[in-house]
């Protein structure tokens, strides 16, 4: 597999750790990155029409054109775009992953958390 898709916050502190984790653990060469502030909240709520349309368009390109078979959704420590406790973000990641799985049933959706040490954990 060449490509994977990562939907995560725009926070620059998490970019490197997420991309390295995905490449190393899942043996992909490229990670298509879709960023929005508080992306796990956006995915869980699934209501912001224009933002969701934009995210869906980018996922479709990654899956249909690049052949991505993996979509990662993550939350992270100290998120300015979604300043809620870890427990709530984890719930949002789980719910958002369910939304993604229903929209893209032919791909695997993986749930991630980036902790206060900028380490990636699977949920």
Protein backbone atom coordinates (compact mmCIF):
# COMPACT_ATOMS: atom_id res chain seq x y z
CA UNK A 1 0.00 0.00 0.00
CA UNK A 2 1.36 3.39 -0.98
CA UNK A 3 -1.10 5.88 0.58
CA UNK A 4 -2.99 6.42 3.82
CA UNK A 5 -5.25 9.31 4.83
CA UNK A 6 -4.96 11.21 8.10
CA UNK A 7 -7.64 13.58 9.35
CA UNK A 8 -6.30 15.61 12.21
CA UNK A 9 -6.04 19.05 13.75
CA UNK A 10 -3.98 21.76 12.11
CA UNK A 11 -1.75 22.01 15.22
CA UNK A 12 1.85 21.83 13.98
CA UNK A 13 3.01 19.96 17.09
CA UNK A 14 1.18 16.81 16.04
CA UNK A 15 1.99 16.74 12.32
CA UNK A 16 5.39 15.03 12.52
CA UNK A 17 4.51 12.46 15.18
CA UNK A 18 1.35 11.39 13.35
CA UNK A 19 2.95 11.07 9.93
CA UNK A 20 5.97 9.15 11.29
CA UNK A 21 3.73 6.82 13.30
CA UNK A 22 1.46 6.06 10.36
CA UNK A 23 4.35 5.47 7.94
CA UNK A 24 6.30 3.30 10.37
CA UNK A 25 3.49 1.19 11.81
CA UNK A 26 1.37 0.80 8.69
CA UNK A 27 4.17 0.66 6.11
CA UNK A 28 2.84 3.31 3.77
CA UNK A 29 4.98 5.60 1.70
CA UNK A 30 2.71 8.65 1.67
CA UNK A 31 0.16 10.17 4.04
CA UNK A 32 -2.51 12.42 2.58
CA UNK A 33 -3.16 14.96 5.32
CA UNK A 34 -6.53 16.63 5.87
CA UNK A 35 -6.39 19.23 8.60
CA UNK A 36 -9.08 21.24 10.35
CA UNK A 37 -8.97 22.77 13.84
CA UNK A 38 -10.76 20.32 16.12
CA UNK A 39 -11.23 17.76 13.37
CA UNK A 40 -12.45 14.97 15.67
CA UNK A 41 -15.29 17.22 16.89
CA UNK A 42 -16.19 18.16 13.32
CA UNK A 43 -16.29 14.51 12.26
CA UNK A 44 -18.28 13.42 15.32
CA UNK A 45 -20.91 16.14 14.89
CA UNK A 46 -21.09 15.65 11.12
CA UNK A 47 -23.18 18.82 10.70
CA UNK A 48 -21.02 21.66 9.31
CA UNK A 49 -22.10 21.38 5.67
CA UNK A 50 -19.33 23.27 3.90
CA UNK A 51 -16.53 21.91 6.06
CA UNK A 52 -17.85 18.35 5.77
CA UNK A 53 -18.17 18.72 1.99
CA UNK A 54 -14.57 19.88 1.81
CA UNK A 55 -13.33 17.02 4.00
CA UNK A 56 -15.37 14.47 2.03
CA UNK A 57 -13.96 15.79 -1.25
CA UNK A 58 -10.40 15.43 0.03
CA UNK A 59 -11.05 11.93 1.42
CA UNK A 60 -12.59 10.87 -1.89
CA UNK A 61 -9.49 12.00 -3.78
CA UNK A 62 -7.24 10.15 -1.36
CA UNK A 63 -9.29 6.95 -1.49
CA UNK A 64 -10.35 6.89 -5.15
CA UNK A 65 -7.36 8.48 -6.86
CA UNK A 66 -4.47 7.61 -4.53
CA UNK A 67 -5.90 4.25 -3.50
CA UNK A 68 -5.77 4.85 0.25
CA UNK A 69 -7.15 1.89 2.22
CA UNK A 70 -6.59 3.44 5.66
CA UNK A 71 -8.15 6.54 7.21
CA UNK A 72 -6.82 7.81 10.54
CA UNK A 73 -8.82 10.15 12.78
CA UNK A 74 -7.13 11.67 15.79
CA UNK A 75 -7.56 13.95 18.74
CA UNK A 76 -4.77 15.48 20.76
CA UNK A 77 -3.65 17.01 24.00
CA UNK A 78 -3.93 20.80 24.39
CA UNK A 79 -6.12 21.34 21.32
CA UNK A 80 -6.95 25.02 20.79
CA UNK A 81 -9.63 24.23 18.21
CA UNK A 82 -11.42 21.78 20.50
CA UNK A 83 -10.42 22.68 24.10
CA UNK A 84 -12.19 19.86 25.93
CA UNK A 85 -10.84 17.09 28.20
CA UNK A 86 -9.23 14.00 26.71
CA UNK A 87 -12.25 11.86 27.60
CA UNK A 88 -14.54 13.99 25.45
CA UNK A 89 -12.10 14.07 22.55
CA UNK A 90 -11.75 10.29 22.72
CA UNK A 91 -15.55 9.98 22.51
CA UNK A 92 -15.50 12.34 19.53
CA UNK A 93 -12.78 10.31 17.80
CA UNK A 94 -14.80 7.11 18.29
CA UNK A 95 -18.02 8.69 17.03
CA UNK A 96 -16.22 10.41 14.16
CA UNK A 97 -14.59 7.12 13.17
CA UNK A 98 -18.05 5.53 13.03
CA UNK A 99 -19.20 8.33 10.71
CA UNK A 100 -16.17 7.77 8.49
CA UNK A 101 -16.64 4.00 8.43
CA UNK A 102 -20.26 4.39 7.34
CA UNK A 103 -19.26 6.76 4.52
CA UNK A 104 -16.23 4.74 3.42
CA UNK A 105 -17.03 1.08 4.15
CA UNK A 106 -14.20 -0.27 1.98
CA UNK A 107 -11.42 1.30 4.05
CA UNK A 108 -10.14 0.67 7.54
CA UNK A 109 -10.62 3.55 9.98
CA UNK A 110 -8.06 3.82 12.78
CA UNK A 111 -8.58 5.94 15.91
CA UNK A 112 -5.58 7.80 17.36
CA UNK A 113 -4.71 10.06 20.29
CA UNK A 114 -1.60 12.27 20.54
CA UNK A 115 -0.67 12.65 24.21
CA UNK A 116 1.05 15.41 26.18
CA UNK A 117 4.47 14.01 25.18
CA UNK A 118 3.48 14.19 21.48
CA UNK A 119 3.41 10.40 21.29
CA UNK A 120 0.76 8.64 19.22
CA UNK A 121 -1.51 6.08 20.87
CA UNK A 122 -4.15 3.90 19.24
CA UNK A 123 -7.57 4.01 20.85
